[in-house]
């Protein structure tokens, strides 16, 4: 790779390359996946930085000592030039991203109300009303939920695509076919008259007034873990466990998560849709657009599972762990649900 400051970088032993000759890209863009070509004992990255003008298929510049902060174009020598971590790896050294197995998660439903839904369909309505739960025949687990306006109802979706509607939420369809291995998330239309769900392979299924605007992209890493509708329902974002965001309709792409320690698990938009947050299993929160970072949770049990942004124009959010611990940032705190045999 040729850089504007005269340096060249080499990335060898990749299993996939996502850039071509002459293509420009920015810091944080995905350029390839780690592989194990040549003589090696496992997936790894062979990385070099060279300086010099020559190039004949190899980097001909002469290796030499240099100040890494100068090569980076940075003024602080303490800053790391290259992040050599492999975010999202599953510990088996295969180069694949971790599986994400969460429950129904947490959802801010009003200025002071929150809905939690477990993987078995348990519902915890904080400062609002519970309309039912614990459905049967849903497949392996409940994978997401969405609340209607004014906290007057909610939907649950299972990994097999079954939709369960409670309160004033209307059942508009579900149980799609040929979606891959799991339905992982859902998002609803602003008028509660439609919703869409996404599979772990990026297939999108729209019901009611929700429109299918695209999906099943190619070249992504990991698996898809979330879908988020724009405020007026004319677009949506899809998120992968590798932190990649795919935008459809009027949804604006504002950035991808990079340099995270473990898999990305969820996203949430701001009230006006001009920003979003991404969340990792270790509680790292990434803010894009007009979304405001307020803090990262720590000291939790299990893993971090879900995040929800306020919908009243105030910049705040709540985070929940798989064990049901809440972390509130510039939003009213609520209690922690207590249960066994299920996750959030």
Protein backbone atom coordinates (compact mmCIF):
# COMPACT_ATOMS: atom_id res chain seq x y z
CA UNK A 1 0.00 0.00 0.00
CA UNK A 2 1.34 3.43 -0.94
CA UNK A 3 0.83 6.25 1.59
CA UNK A 4 0.85 9.99 0.98
CA UNK A 5 3.82 10.57 3.29
CA UNK A 6 6.20 8.46 1.17
CA UNK A 7 5.92 5.23 3.15
CA UNK A 8 4.64 1.91 1.84
CA UNK A 9 3.06 -0.89 3.87
CA UNK A 10 2.86 -4.59 3.11
CA UNK A 11 0.17 -6.97 4.37
CA UNK A 12 0.95 -10.61 3.59
CA UNK A 13 -0.71 -14.01 4.14
CA UNK A 14 -4.26 -12.69 3.78
CA UNK A 15 -7.13 -15.09 3.19
CA UNK A 16 -9.23 -12.38 1.49
CA UNK A 17 -8.47 -9.00 -0.03
CA UNK A 18 -11.14 -6.31 -0.22
CA UNK A 19 -9.17 -3.65 -2.11
CA UNK A 20 -7.79 -3.56 -5.66
CA UNK A 21 -4.90 -1.83 -7.45
CA UNK A 22 -5.37 1.91 -7.55
CA UNK A 23 -8.19 1.98 -5.01
CA UNK A 24 -8.10 4.64 -2.28
CA UNK A 25 -9.29 3.96 1.23
CA UNK A 26 -9.31 5.56 4.66
CA UNK A 27 -8.14 4.54 8.11
CA UNK A 28 -10.59 2.03 9.59
CA UNK A 29 -11.72 0.58 6.24
CA UNK A 30 -11.62 -3.21 5.96
CA UNK A 31 -8.85 -4.14 3.50
CA UNK A 32 -8.54 -7.89 4.09
CA UNK A 33 -8.87 -10.88 6.38
CA UNK A 34 -6.06 -12.70 8.14
CA UNK A 35 -5.00 -15.99 6.53
CA UNK A 36 -2.36 -18.70 6.65
CA UNK A 37 -0.69 -18.83 3.24
CA UNK A 38 2.92 -19.87 2.78
CA UNK A 39 4.87 -21.52 5.58
CA UNK A 40 3.09 -20.81 8.86
CA UNK A 41 1.68 -22.53 11.91
CA UNK A 42 -1.60 -20.63 11.95
CA UNK A 43 -3.45 -17.52 10.78
CA UNK A 44 -1.23 -14.46 11.12
CA UNK A 45 -0.38 -11.12 9.53
CA UNK A 46 3.04 -10.41 8.03
CA UNK A 47 3.30 -6.62 8.17
CA UNK A 48 6.09 -4.38 6.90
CA UNK A 49 6.70 -0.65 6.56
CA UNK A 50 9.25 0.45 3.95
CA UNK A 51 10.53 3.79 2.74
CA UNK A 52 11.83 4.31 -0.78
CA UNK A 53 10.62 5.00 -4.27
CA UNK A 54 11.01 1.62 -5.94
CA UNK A 55 8.25 -0.90 -6.46
CA UNK A 56 8.43 -3.99 -8.67
CA UNK A 57 5.87 -6.28 -7.10
CA UNK A 58 7.72 -6.23 -3.80
CA UNK A 59 8.49 -3.24 -1.65
CA UNK A 60 11.95 -2.22 -2.80
CA UNK A 61 12.48 0.55 -0.28
CA UNK A 62 15.35 -0.02 2.12
CA UNK A 63 14.32 -1.01 5.65
CA UNK A 64 15.61 1.49 8.20
CA UNK A 65 14.99 2.82 11.66
CA UNK A 66 12.38 5.56 11.81
CA UNK A 67 10.20 7.43 14.26
CA UNK A 68 6.81 5.71 14.23
CA UNK A 69 5.02 8.94 15.12
CA UNK A 70 6.55 10.58 12.04
CA UNK A 71 5.55 7.68 9.81
CA UNK A 72 2.03 7.94 11.16
CA UNK A 73 1.87 11.66 10.65
CA UNK A 74 1.29 12.05 14.38
CA UNK A 75 2.94 14.33 16.90
CA UNK A 76 2.68 12.07 19.92
CA UNK A 77 5.34 9.29 19.92
CA UNK A 78 3.36 7.46 22.61
CA UNK A 79 0.54 6.81 20.17
CA UNK A 80 0.58 3.34 18.66
CA UNK A 81 1.33 3.32 14.95
CA UNK A 82 -0.42 0.07 14.14
CA UNK A 83 -3.02 -1.93 16.05
CA UNK A 84 -1.85 -5.55 15.72
CA UNK A 85 -4.85 -6.98 17.58
CA UNK A 86 -7.34 -9.23 15.84
CA UNK A 87 -10.71 -7.93 17.07
CA UNK A 88 -13.59 -10.32 17.38
CA UNK A 89 -11.55 -13.53 17.09
CA UNK A 90 -13.25 -16.48 18.73
CA UNK A 91 -10.16 -17.80 20.50
CA UNK A 92 -9.74 -20.81 18.21
CA UNK A 93 -7.18 -19.00 16.05
CA UNK A 94 -9.23 -19.62 12.94
CA UNK A 95 -9.55 -15.98 11.97
CA UNK A 96 -13.35 -16.03 12.25
CA UNK A 97 -15.40 -13.64 14.37
CA UNK A 98 -17.14 -14.72 17.54
CA UNK A 99 -20.68 -15.94 17.54
CA UNK A 100 -23.16 -13.51 19.10
CA UNK A 101 -25.89 -15.24 21.12
CA UNK A 102 -28.05 -12.72 22.97
CA UNK A 103 -31.67 -12.53 24.06
CA UNK A 104 -34.36 -9.91 23.55
CA UNK A 105 -32.22 -7.12 25.01
CA UNK A 106 -33.15 -3.72 26.44
CA UNK A 107 -35.33 -1.02 24.87
CA UNK A 108 -36.03 2.53 26.05
CA UNK A 109 -39.79 2.99 25.51
CA UNK A 110 -40.26 6.46 27.02
CA UNK A 111 -38.46 9.22 28.93
CA UNK A 112 -38.52 7.10 32.10
CA UNK A 113 -39.53 3.63 30.90
CA UNK A 114 -37.51 0.63 29.77
CA UNK A 115 -38.48 -2.81 28.47
CA UNK A 116 -36.19 -5.83 28.94
CA UNK A 117 -36.85 -9.13 27.18
CA UNK A 118 -34.93 -12.34 27.89
CA UNK A 119 -34.01 -15.16 25.55
CA UNK A 120 -37.00 -17.11 26.93
CA UNK A 121 -39.43 -14.23 26.47
CA UNK A 122 -39.52 -13.00 30.06
CA UNK A 123 -40.53 -9.33 30.09
CA UNK A 124 -39.53 -6.66 32.59
CA UNK A 125 -41.34 -3.37 32.09
CA UNK A 126 -39.76 -0.64 34.18
CA UNK A 127 -42.09 2.32 34.83
CA UNK A 128 -44.53 0.87 32.30
CA UNK A 129 -46.84 -2.12 31.91
CA UNK A 130 -46.06 -5.71 30.97
CA UNK A 131 -48.60 -7.18 28.55
CA UNK A 132 -47.42 -10.78 28.52
CA UNK A 133 -44.51 -12.97 27.57
CA UNK A 134 -43.00 -16.44 27.89
CA UNK A 135 -44.32 -17.64 24.52
CA UNK A 136 -44.02 -21.28 23.50
CA UNK A 137 -42.96 -22.95 20.26
CA UNK A 138 -40.58 -20.19 19.25
CA UNK A 139 -37.50 -22.22 18.33
CA UNK A 140 -34.18 -21.87 20.08
CA UNK A 141 -34.59 -18.47 21.77
CA UNK A 142 -36.06 -14.97 21.58
CA UNK A 143 -33.41 -12.87 19.82
CA UNK A 144 -34.86 -9.32 19.86
CA UNK A 145 -37.86 -7.16 20.68
CA UNK A 146 -39.33 -3.75 19.83
CA UNK A 147 -41.74 -1.53 21.75
CA UNK A 148 -44.65 0.47 20.35
CA UNK A 149 -45.15 4.18 21.01
CA UNK A 150 -46.09 5.28 24.51
CA UNK A 151 -45.00 1.90 25.90
CA UNK A 152 -48.42 0.47 25.03
CA UNK A 153 -47.23 -2.80 23.50
CA UNK A 154 -44.28 -4.72 22.11
CA UNK A 155 -43.16 -7.43 19.72
CA UNK A 156 -40.72 -10.30 20.21
CA UNK A 157 -38.94 -12.19 17.45
CA UNK A 158 -37.37 -15.64 17.74
CA UNK A 159 -34.36 -17.05 15.95
CA UNK A 160 -36.79 -18.96 13.72
CA UNK A 161 -38.61 -15.73 12.77
CA UNK A 162 -41.77 -16.20 14.84
CA UNK A 163 -43.31 -12.87 15.85
CA UNK A 164 -45.18 -12.53 19.15
CA UNK A 165 -47.29 -9.37 19.60
CA UNK A 166 -48.53 -7.98 22.92
CA UNK A 167 -50.59 -4.96 23.98
CA UNK A 168 -51.36 -2.71 21.00
CA UNK A 169 -48.63 -4.30 18.86
CA UNK A 170 -50.15 -5.92 15.76
CA UNK A 171 -48.96 -9.21 14.32
CA UNK A 172 -48.20 -8.41 10.67
CA UNK A 173 -46.33 -11.52 9.56
CA UNK A 174 -43.28 -13.59 10.27
CA UNK A 175 -41.72 -17.05 10.02
CA UNK A 176 -39.81 -16.39 6.78
CA UNK A 177 -38.05 -19.22 4.94
CA UNK A 178 -34.55 -19.64 3.52
CA UNK A 179 -33.07 -16.98 5.80
CA UNK A 180 -29.85 -18.73 6.85
CA UNK A 181 -29.30 -20.13 10.31
CA UNK A 182 -30.95 -17.52 12.58
CA UNK A 183 -33.10 -14.42 12.67
CA UNK A 184 -31.08 -12.13 14.92
CA UNK A 185 -32.90 -8.79 15.20
CA UNK A 186 -35.97 -6.71 14.36
CA UNK A 187 -36.84 -3.01 14.09
CA UNK A 188 -40.24 -1.35 13.82
CA UNK A 189 -41.78 1.45 11.75
CA UNK A 190 -42.38 4.79 13.52
CA UNK A 191 -46.18 4.45 13.31
CA UNK A 192 -46.15 0.88 14.66
CA UNK A 193 -47.68 -0.34 11.39
CA UNK A 194 -44.75 -2.41 10.17
CA UNK A 195 -41.48 -4.03 11.10
CA UNK A 196 -38.46 -5.69 9.51
CA UNK A 197 -36.22 -8.51 10.66
CA UNK A 198 -32.73 -9.56 9.61
CA UNK A 199 -30.96 -12.92 9.58
CA UNK A 200 -27.35 -13.60 10.51
CA UNK A 201 -26.57 -13.76 6.77
CA UNK A 202 -28.03 -10.30 6.11
CA UNK A 203 -31.37 -11.31 4.60
CA UNK A 204 -34.03 -8.68 5.37
CA UNK A 205 -37.76 -9.46 5.65
CA UNK A 206 -40.28 -6.60 5.76
CA UNK A 207 -43.89 -6.72 6.97
CA UNK A 208 -46.77 -4.27 7.08
CA UNK A 209 -45.72 -0.80 5.90
CA UNK A 210 -42.02 -1.63 6.20
CA UNK A 211 -40.26 -1.84 2.82
CA UNK A 212 -37.50 -4.16 1.73
CA UNK A 213 -34.73 -1.76 0.67
CA UNK A 214 -31.84 -4.18 0.27
CA UNK A 215 -29.77 -6.73 2.12
CA UNK A 216 -27.61 -9.81 1.70
CA UNK A 217 -24.45 -7.78 0.96
CA UNK A 218 -21.23 -9.48 -0.09
CA UNK A 219 -17.71 -9.17 1.30
CA UNK A 220 -18.73 -8.77 4.93
CA UNK A 221 -16.96 -10.37 7.91
CA UNK A 222 -18.50 -12.18 10.86
CA UNK A 223 -22.28 -12.43 10.89
CA UNK A 224 -25.08 -9.91 11.00
CA UNK A 225 -26.26 -9.05 14.50
CA UNK A 226 -28.67 -6.09 14.27
CA UNK A 227 -31.03 -3.95 12.17
CA UNK A 228 -32.05 -0.37 13.00
CA UNK A 229 -34.79 1.58 11.20
CA UNK A 230 -34.51 5.30 10.40
CA UNK A 231 -36.95 7.66 12.19
CA UNK A 232 -39.33 7.87 9.21
CA UNK A 233 -38.95 4.24 8.20
CA UNK A 234 -37.55 4.92 4.74
CA UNK A 235 -34.17 3.36 5.45
CA UNK A 236 -32.31 1.03 7.77
CA UNK A 237 -28.85 0.01 8.85
CA UNK A 238 -27.51 -3.53 9.16
CA UNK A 239 -24.63 -4.36 11.52
CA UNK A 240 -22.14 -7.24 11.56
CA UNK A 241 -20.18 -8.70 14.46
CA UNK A 242 -17.08 -7.30 12.72
CA UNK A 243 -18.39 -3.77 13.27
CA UNK A 244 -19.38 -3.15 9.64
CA UNK A 245 -22.46 -1.00 9.02
CA UNK A 246 -24.45 -1.33 5.78
CA UNK A 247 -26.90 1.46 4.93
CA UNK A 248 -30.05 1.18 2.81
CA UNK A 249 -32.66 3.68 1.67
CA UNK A 250 -32.09 7.07 3.28
CA UNK A 251 -29.97 5.67 6.14
CA UNK A 252 -26.57 7.42 6.17
CA UNK A 253 -23.37 5.46 6.67
CA UNK A 254 -21.49 7.29 9.42
CA UNK A 255 -18.72 4.86 10.31
CA UNK A 256 -17.67 1.33 11.27
CA UNK A 257 -16.33 0.13 14.62
CA UNK A 258 -12.57 -0.56 14.66
CA UNK A 259 -9.99 -1.65 17.23
CA UNK A 260 -12.53 -3.45 19.41
CA UNK A 261 -11.52 -6.29 21.69
CA UNK A 262 -14.37 -8.73 21.05
CA UNK A 263 -17.35 -9.01 18.72
CA UNK A 264 -19.71 -6.10 18.09
CA UNK A 265 -23.18 -7.06 19.33
CA UNK A 266 -25.66 -4.21 18.82
CA UNK A 267 -26.42 -0.74 17.50
CA UNK A 268 -28.91 2.03 18.32
CA UNK A 269 -29.70 5.32 16.57
CA UNK A 270 -30.23 8.81 17.90
CA UNK A 271 -33.73 10.27 17.97
CA UNK A 272 -33.29 12.11 14.63
CA UNK A 273 -31.36 9.30 12.93
CA UNK A 274 -28.30 11.49 12.31
CA UNK A 275 -26.11 9.33 14.49
CA UNK A 276 -25.75 5.88 15.98
CA UNK A 277 -23.87 3.94 18.63
CA UNK A 278 -22.20 0.55 18.20
CA UNK A 279 -21.54 -1.77 21.15
CA UNK A 280 -19.06 -4.61 21.74
CA UNK A 281 -19.25 -7.63 24.04
CA UNK A 282 -16.76 -5.97 26.39
CA UNK A 283 -18.84 -2.80 26.69
CA UNK A 284 -16.97 -0.56 24.28
CA UNK A 285 -19.36 2.08 22.94
CA UNK A 286 -18.59 3.78 19.61
CA UNK A 287 -20.38 7.02 18.71
CA UNK A 288 -20.92 8.25 15.14
CA UNK A 289 -22.66 11.28 13.67
CA UNK A 290 -24.45 13.31 16.33
CA UNK A 291 -24.54 10.43 18.83
CA UNK A 292 -22.85 11.37 22.11
CA UNK A 293 -20.56 8.95 23.95
CA UNK A 294 -21.38 8.98 27.65
CA UNK A 295 -19.39 6.04 28.99
CA UNK A 296 -18.54 2.33 28.81
CA UNK A 297 -19.86 -0.18 31.36
CA UNK A 298 -17.43 -2.20 33.46
CA UNK A 299 -17.57 -4.83 36.19
CA UNK A 300 -20.48 -6.70 34.62
CA UNK A 301 -21.31 -10.39 34.72
CA UNK A 302 -21.28 -12.41 31.51
CA UNK A 303 -21.02 -10.21 28.44
CA UNK A 304 -22.57 -6.97 27.29
CA UNK A 305 -25.65 -7.70 25.17
CA UNK A 306 -27.61 -4.64 24.02
CA UNK A 307 -27.88 -0.85 23.99
CA UNK A 308 -30.78 1.59 23.51
CA UNK A 309 -30.67 5.36 22.86
CA UNK A 310 -33.25 7.80 24.22
CA UNK A 311 -36.04 8.76 21.82
CA UNK A 312 -36.95 12.14 23.34
CA UNK A 313 -34.06 14.14 21.87
CA UNK A 314 -31.89 13.84 24.98
CA UNK A 315 -28.48 12.27 24.34
CA UNK A 316 -28.39 9.31 26.70
CA UNK A 317 -28.53 5.54 26.54
CA UNK A 318 -28.88 2.38 28.59
CA UNK A 319 -26.79 -0.79 28.29
CA UNK A 320 -27.61 -4.30 29.50
CA UNK A 321 -25.40 -7.35 30.02
CA UNK A 322 -26.38 -10.91 29.21
CA UNK A 323 -26.88 -11.37 32.97
CA UNK A 324 -29.35 -8.46 33.15
CA UNK A 325 -27.19 -5.73 34.67
CA UNK A 326 -28.15 -2.22 33.56
CA UNK A 327 -25.81 0.70 33.01
CA UNK A 328 -27.54 4.05 32.48
CA UNK A 329 -25.82 7.07 30.92
CA UNK A 330 -27.68 10.39 31.05
CA UNK A 331 -30.94 8.50 31.35
CA UNK A 332 -32.93 7.35 34.42
CA UNK A 333 -31.62 4.15 35.93
CA UNK A 334 -33.86 1.14 36.44
CA UNK A 335 -33.61 -2.08 38.41
CA UNK A 336 -31.90 -5.25 37.30
CA UNK A 337 -34.08 -8.23 36.35
CA UNK A 338 -33.46 -11.44 38.26
CA UNK A 339 -33.83 -14.77 36.51
CA UNK A 340 -32.00 -17.99 35.77
CA UNK A 341 -31.67 -20.07 32.64
CA UNK A 342 -32.00 -17.13 30.24
CA UNK A 343 -29.93 -14.22 28.96
CA UNK A 344 -30.71 -10.73 27.66
